């Protein structure tokens, strides 16, 4: 009888510890992916504005050209599980809001051929400005550590929301409306 009791106690303890770890993981993930940046990090986009990236035709693009406009900046890569759907959602929202908002999508360090092979079938180029950042400086400049990352920048250049991880289309639209004061 004592051996059965010890077995049940060890099994129960194992299940409690496993359950606690699972709950802690979900709680951390929710906080990690859903929290906006604290106000002291709002100046982070100033360094991003100073960066130069390339468009698909290898022309240099100065991100400071996007200051003073409501801006959605999205980081993506061909290996990102969520990126294809989110890029299509961003394209649809850009089409809906037109000139009210600028949407840029910056590829993280992949070459042109890889990026184009991924993005061309999505038919995004009419709505979203697609850029290549061969050195992945943009992602680093915004303090990126999840994929994808989406930042919403007001016309004053302040990051008003920074999403680490995927977003549903309704969440993106709500942030765009907030950015536009709607």
C-alpha atoms as a PDB file:
ATOM      1  CA  UNK A   1       0.000   0.000   0.000  1.00  0.00           C
ATOM      2  CA  UNK A   2       2.757   2.566   0.760  1.00  0.00           C
ATOM      3  CA  UNK A   3       4.216   2.109  -2.746  1.00  0.00           C
ATOM      4  CA  UNK A   4       0.863   2.898  -4.368  1.00  0.00           C
ATOM      5  CA  UNK A   5       0.501   5.998  -2.214  1.00  0.00           C
ATOM      6  CA  UNK A   6       4.006   7.195  -3.128  1.00  0.00           C
ATOM      7  CA  UNK A   7       3.273   6.588  -6.813  1.00  0.00           C
ATOM      8  CA  UNK A   8       0.022   8.552  -6.653  1.00  0.00           C
ATOM      9  CA  UNK A   9       1.709  11.403  -4.775  1.00  0.00           C
ATOM     10  CA  UNK A  10       4.552  11.607  -7.302  1.00  0.00           C
ATOM     11  CA  UNK A  11       2.125  11.467 -10.245  1.00  0.00           C
ATOM     12  CA  UNK A  12      -0.092  14.148  -8.712  1.00  0.00           C
ATOM     13  CA  UNK A  13       2.917  16.350  -8.009  1.00  0.00           C
ATOM     14  CA  UNK A  14       4.169  15.876 -11.579  1.00  0.00           C
ATOM     15  CA  UNK A  15       0.752  16.826 -12.996  1.00  0.00           C
ATOM     16  CA  UNK A  16       0.537  19.927 -10.791  1.00  0.00           C
ATOM     17  CA  UNK A  17       4.006  21.111 -11.806  1.00  0.00           C
ATOM     18  CA  UNK A  18       3.297  20.443 -15.494  1.00  0.00           C
ATOM     19  CA  UNK A  19      -0.019  22.310 -15.292  1.00  0.00           C
ATOM     20  CA  UNK A  20       1.618  25.265 -13.540  1.00  0.00           C
ATOM     21  CA  UNK A  21       4.328  25.423 -16.214  1.00  0.00           C
ATOM     22  CA  UNK A  22       1.745  25.342 -19.009  1.00  0.00           C
ATOM     23  CA  UNK A  23      -0.275  28.137 -17.396  1.00  0.00           C
ATOM     24  CA  UNK A  24       2.869  30.200 -16.826  1.00  0.00           C
ATOM     25  CA  UNK A  25       3.872  29.731 -20.466  1.00  0.00           C
ATOM     26  CA  UNK A  26       0.462  30.873 -21.751  1.00  0.00           C
ATOM     27  CA  UNK A  27       0.435  33.831 -19.382  1.00  0.00           C
ATOM     28  CA  UNK A  28       3.933  34.898 -20.397  1.00  0.00           C
ATOM     29  CA  UNK A  29       3.100  34.480 -24.099  1.00  0.00           C
ATOM     30  CA  UNK A  30       0.003  36.635 -23.808  1.00  0.00           C
ATOM     31  CA  UNK A  31       1.914  39.393 -22.021  1.00  0.00           C
ATOM     32  CA  UNK A  32       4.926  39.073 -24.302  1.00  0.00           C
ATOM     33  CA  UNK A  33       2.964  39.344 -27.555  1.00  0.00           C
ATOM     34  CA  UNK A  34       0.103  41.660 -26.570  1.00  0.00           C
ATOM     35  CA  UNK A  35       1.802  44.418 -24.621  1.00  0.00           C
ATOM     36  CA  UNK A  36       2.408  47.811 -26.218  1.00  0.00           C
ATOM     37  CA  UNK A  37       5.740  49.462 -25.700  1.00  0.00           C
ATOM     38  CA  UNK A  38       6.098  51.597 -22.616  1.00  0.00           C
ATOM     39  CA  UNK A  39       6.180  55.321 -23.271  1.00  0.00           C
ATOM     40  CA  UNK A  40       9.948  55.590 -22.798  1.00  0.00           C
ATOM     41  CA  UNK A  41      10.427  53.425 -25.902  1.00  0.00           C
ATOM     42  CA  UNK A  42       8.386  55.711 -28.158  1.00  0.00           C
ATOM     43  CA  UNK A  43      11.500  57.530 -29.312  1.00  0.00           C
ATOM     44  CA  UNK A  44      12.842  54.257 -30.751  1.00  0.00           C
ATOM     45  CA  UNK A  45      11.430  55.010 -34.185  1.00  0.00           C
ATOM     46  CA  UNK A  46      13.671  58.070 -34.488  1.00  0.00           C
ATOM     47  CA  UNK A  47      16.628  55.773 -35.117  1.00  0.00           C
ATOM     48  CA  UNK A  48      14.572  53.738 -37.588  1.00  0.00           C
ATOM     49  CA  UNK A  49      13.763  56.897 -39.567  1.00  0.00           C
ATOM     50  CA  UNK A  50      17.481  57.373 -40.169  1.00  0.00           C
ATOM     51  CA  UNK A  51      17.858  54.002 -41.905  1.00  0.00           C
ATOM     52  CA  UNK A  52      18.191  53.357 -45.615  1.00  0.00           C
ATOM     53  CA  UNK A  53      16.662  50.212 -47.135  1.00  0.00           C
ATOM     54  CA  UNK A  54      16.194  49.096 -50.738  1.00  0.00           C
ATOM     55  CA  UNK A  55      13.103  48.577 -52.828  1.00  0.00           C
ATOM     56  CA  UNK A  56      12.829  45.586 -55.161  1.00  0.00           C
ATOM     57  CA  UNK A  57      14.512  47.500 -57.985  1.00  0.00           C
ATOM     58  CA  UNK A  58      17.573  48.016 -55.712  1.00  0.00           C
ATOM     59  CA  UNK A  59      16.883  51.744 -55.313  1.00  0.00           C
ATOM     60  CA  UNK A  60      17.758  53.201 -51.929  1.00  0.00           C
ATOM     61  CA  UNK A  61      14.802  54.299 -49.830  1.00  0.00           C
ATOM     62  CA  UNK A  62      15.250  56.669 -46.897  1.00  0.00           C
ATOM     63  CA  UNK A  63      12.741  55.835 -44.192  1.00  0.00           C
ATOM     64  CA  UNK A  64      12.711  59.483 -43.111  1.00  0.00           C
ATOM     65  CA  UNK A  65      10.623  60.081 -46.247  1.00  0.00           C
ATOM     66  CA  UNK A  66       7.774  58.452 -44.305  1.00  0.00           C
ATOM     67  CA  UNK A  67       7.829  60.906 -41.413  1.00  0.00           C
ATOM     68  CA  UNK A  68       4.804  63.121 -40.912  1.00  0.00           C
ATOM     69  CA  UNK A  69       2.386  60.476 -42.233  1.00  0.00           C
ATOM     70  CA  UNK A  70       0.376  57.857 -40.345  1.00  0.00           C
ATOM     71  CA  UNK A  71       2.502  54.760 -40.864  1.00  0.00           C
ATOM     72  CA  UNK A  72       2.235  51.020 -40.369  1.00  0.00           C
ATOM     73  CA  UNK A  73       5.653  49.354 -40.555  1.00  0.00           C
ATOM     74  CA  UNK A  74       5.725  45.569 -40.690  1.00  0.00           C
ATOM     75  CA  UNK A  75       8.706  43.217 -40.507  1.00  0.00           C
ATOM     76  CA  UNK A  76       8.538  39.967 -42.430  1.00  0.00           C
ATOM     77  CA  UNK A  77      10.566  37.091 -43.832  1.00  0.00           C
ATOM     78  CA  UNK A  78       9.822  34.108 -46.060  1.00  0.00           C
ATOM     79  CA  UNK A  79      10.332  31.732 -43.133  1.00  0.00           C
ATOM     80  CA  UNK A  80       7.690  33.485 -40.997  1.00  0.00           C
ATOM     81  CA  UNK A  81       4.621  31.297 -40.480  1.00  0.00           C
ATOM     82  CA  UNK A  82       2.177  34.205 -40.108  1.00  0.00           C
ATOM     83  CA  UNK A  83       3.581  36.661 -42.627  1.00  0.00           C
ATOM     84  CA  UNK A  84       1.737  35.688 -45.833  1.00  0.00           C
ATOM     85  CA  UNK A  85      -1.707  36.074 -44.270  1.00  0.00           C
ATOM     86  CA  UNK A  86      -0.738  39.250 -42.461  1.00  0.00           C
ATOM     87  CA  UNK A  87       0.761  40.816 -45.577  1.00  0.00           C
ATOM     88  CA  UNK A  88      -2.497  40.102 -47.440  1.00  0.00           C
ATOM     89  CA  UNK A  89      -4.468  41.649 -44.553  1.00  0.00           C
ATOM     90  CA  UNK A  90      -2.261  44.738 -44.589  1.00  0.00           C
ATOM     91  CA  UNK A  91      -2.747  45.034 -48.342  1.00  0.00           C
ATOM     92  CA  UNK A  92      -6.533  44.853 -47.963  1.00  0.00           C
ATOM     93  CA  UNK A  93      -6.519  47.481 -45.223  1.00  0.00           C
ATOM     94  CA  UNK A  94      -4.243  49.762 -47.240  1.00  0.00           C
ATOM     95  CA  UNK A  95      -6.666  49.467 -50.120  1.00  0.00           C
ATOM     96  CA  UNK A  96      -9.537  50.360 -47.783  1.00  0.00           C
ATOM     97  CA  UNK A  97      -7.836  53.384 -46.178  1.00  0.00           C
ATOM     98  CA  UNK A  98      -5.976  54.566 -49.277  1.00  0.00           C
ATOM     99  CA  UNK A  99      -3.833  57.668 -48.872  1.00  0.00           C
ATOM    100  CA  UNK A 100      -4.842  58.113 -45.220  1.00  0.00           C
ATOM    101  CA  UNK A 101      -2.167  55.644 -44.118  1.00  0.00           C
ATOM    102  CA  UNK A 102       1.145  54.372 -45.478  1.00  0.00           C
ATOM    103  CA  UNK A 103       1.999  50.698 -45.119  1.00  0.00           C
ATOM    104  CA  UNK A 104       5.572  49.515 -45.512  1.00  0.00           C
ATOM    105  CA  UNK A 105       6.750  45.926 -45.186  1.00  0.00           C
ATOM    106  CA  UNK A 106      10.443  45.432 -44.528  1.00  0.00           C
ATOM    107  CA  UNK A 107      12.013  42.067 -45.245  1.00  0.00           C
ATOM    108  CA  UNK A 108      14.496  40.870 -42.651  1.00  0.00           C
ATOM    109  CA  UNK A 109      17.825  40.184 -44.304  1.00  0.00           C
ATOM    110  CA  UNK A 110      16.794  38.008 -47.230  1.00  0.00           C
ATOM    111  CA  UNK A 111      18.009  38.544 -50.769  1.00  0.00           C
ATOM    112  CA  UNK A 112      15.770  40.010 -53.461  1.00  0.00           C
ATOM    113  CA  UNK A 113      15.109  36.674 -55.199  1.00  0.00           C
ATOM    114  CA  UNK A 114      13.919  35.001 -51.981  1.00  0.00           C
ATOM    115  CA  UNK A 115      11.749  37.951 -50.971  1.00  0.00           C
ATOM    116  CA  UNK A 116      10.182  38.316 -54.428  1.00  0.00           C
ATOM    117  CA  UNK A 117       9.505  34.588 -54.733  1.00  0.00           C
ATOM    118  CA  UNK A 118       7.546  34.832 -51.493  1.00  0.00           C
ATOM    119  CA  UNK A 119       5.759  38.158 -51.990  1.00  0.00           C
ATOM    120  CA  UNK A 120       4.972  38.161 -55.738  1.00  0.00           C
ATOM    121  CA  UNK A 121       2.284  35.439 -55.520  1.00  0.00           C
ATOM    122  CA  UNK A 122       0.599  37.480 -52.771  1.00  0.00           C
ATOM    123  CA  UNK A 123       0.133  40.392 -55.229  1.00  0.00           C
ATOM    124  CA  UNK A 124       0.971  43.094 -52.699  1.00  0.00           C
ATOM    125  CA  UNK A 125       3.010  45.613 -54.622  1.00  0.00           C
ATOM    126  CA  UNK A 126       0.075  47.793 -55.593  1.00  0.00           C
ATOM    127  CA  UNK A 127      -0.851  48.530 -51.987  1.00  0.00           C
ATOM    128  CA  UNK A 128       2.158  47.931 -49.740  1.00  0.00           C
ATOM    129  CA  UNK A 129       5.630  49.329 -50.197  1.00  0.00           C
ATOM    130  CA  UNK A 130       7.967  46.329 -50.023  1.00  0.00           C
ATOM    131  CA  UNK A 131      11.529  46.909 -48.899  1.00  0.00           C
ATOM    132  CA  UNK A 132      14.639  44.823 -48.331  1.00  0.00           C
ATOM    133  CA  UNK A 133      16.856  45.338 -45.308  1.00  0.00           C
ATOM    134  CA  UNK A 134      19.859  43.150 -46.036  1.00  0.00           C
ATOM    135  CA  UNK A 135      21.520  43.913 -42.690  1.00  0.00           C
ATOM    136  CA  UNK A 136      18.303  43.607 -40.650  1.00  0.00           C
ATOM    137  CA  UNK A 137      18.960  47.012 -39.087  1.00  0.00           C
ATOM    138  CA  UNK A 138      15.311  48.060 -39.012  1.00  0.00           C
ATOM    139  CA  UNK A 139      14.281  45.095 -36.866  1.00  0.00           C
ATOM    140  CA  UNK A 140      17.131  45.833 -34.465  1.00  0.00           C
ATOM    141  CA  UNK A 141      16.315  49.563 -34.365  1.00  0.00           C
ATOM    142  CA  UNK A 142      12.777  48.885 -33.121  1.00  0.00           C
ATOM    143  CA  UNK A 143      13.997  46.447 -30.474  1.00  0.00           C
ATOM    144  CA  UNK A 144      12.521  43.501 -32.350  1.00  0.00           C
ATOM    145  CA  UNK A 145      12.537  40.052 -30.830  1.00  0.00           C
ATOM    146  CA  UNK A 146       9.397  38.316 -32.117  1.00  0.00           C
ATOM    147  CA  UNK A 147       8.154  37.618 -35.606  1.00  0.00           C
ATOM    148  CA  UNK A 148       6.449  39.364 -37.147  1.00  0.00           C
ATOM    149  CA  UNK A 149       6.552  42.794 -35.521  1.00  0.00           C
ATOM    150  CA  UNK A 150       4.209  45.611 -36.482  1.00  0.00           C
ATOM    151  CA  UNK A 151       4.548  49.205 -35.399  1.00  0.00           C
ATOM    152  CA  UNK A 152       2.045  52.006 -35.787  1.00  0.00           C
ATOM    153  CA  UNK A 153       3.610  55.458 -36.019  1.00  0.00           C
ATOM    154  CA  UNK A 154       1.725  58.738 -35.748  1.00  0.00           C
ATOM    155  CA  UNK A 155       2.528  61.778 -37.949  1.00  0.00           C
ATOM    156  CA  UNK A 156       4.758  63.169 -35.158  1.00  0.00           C
ATOM    157  CA  UNK A 157       6.969  60.076 -35.434  1.00  0.00           C
ATOM    158  CA  UNK A 158       5.843  58.474 -32.176  1.00  0.00           C
ATOM    159  CA  UNK A 159       5.278  54.754 -31.980  1.00  0.00           C
ATOM    160  CA  UNK A 160       1.733  54.586 -30.661  1.00  0.00           C
ATOM    161  CA  UNK A 161       1.541  50.794 -30.679  1.00  0.00           C
ATOM    162  CA  UNK A 162       4.069  48.009 -31.174  1.00  0.00           C
ATOM    163  CA  UNK A 163       2.805  44.470 -31.675  1.00  0.00           C
ATOM    164  CA  UNK A 164       5.257  41.671 -31.060  1.00  0.00           C
ATOM    165  CA  UNK A 165       3.927  38.615 -32.876  1.00  0.00           C
ATOM    166  CA  UNK A 166       0.934  38.078 -35.126  1.00  0.00           C
ATOM    167  CA  UNK A 167      -2.193  40.251 -35.303  1.00  0.00           C
ATOM    168  CA  UNK A 168      -5.676  39.520 -36.548  1.00  0.00           C
ATOM    169  CA  UNK A 169      -7.053  41.829 -39.245  1.00  0.00           C
ATOM    170  CA  UNK A 170      -9.551  43.377 -36.796  1.00  0.00           C
ATOM    171  CA  UNK A 171      -6.726  44.237 -34.393  1.00  0.00           C
ATOM    172  CA  UNK A 172      -4.733  45.878 -37.183  1.00  0.00           C
ATOM    173  CA  UNK A 173      -7.748  47.850 -38.355  1.00  0.00           C
ATOM    174  CA  UNK A 174      -8.486  49.034 -34.809  1.00  0.00           C
ATOM    175  CA  UNK A 175      -4.905  50.309 -34.513  1.00  0.00           C
ATOM    176  CA  UNK A 176      -5.133  52.047 -37.910  1.00  0.00           C
ATOM    177  CA  UNK A 177      -8.381  53.729 -36.879  1.00  0.00           C
ATOM    178  CA  UNK A 178      -6.788  54.838 -33.619  1.00  0.00           C
ATOM    179  CA  UNK A 179      -3.788  56.133 -35.542  1.00  0.00           C
ATOM    180  CA  UNK A 180      -6.123  58.129 -37.781  1.00  0.00           C
ATOM    181  CA  UNK A 181      -8.165  59.433 -34.835  1.00  0.00           C
ATOM    182  CA  UNK A 182     -11.337  57.599 -35.869  1.00  0.00           C
END
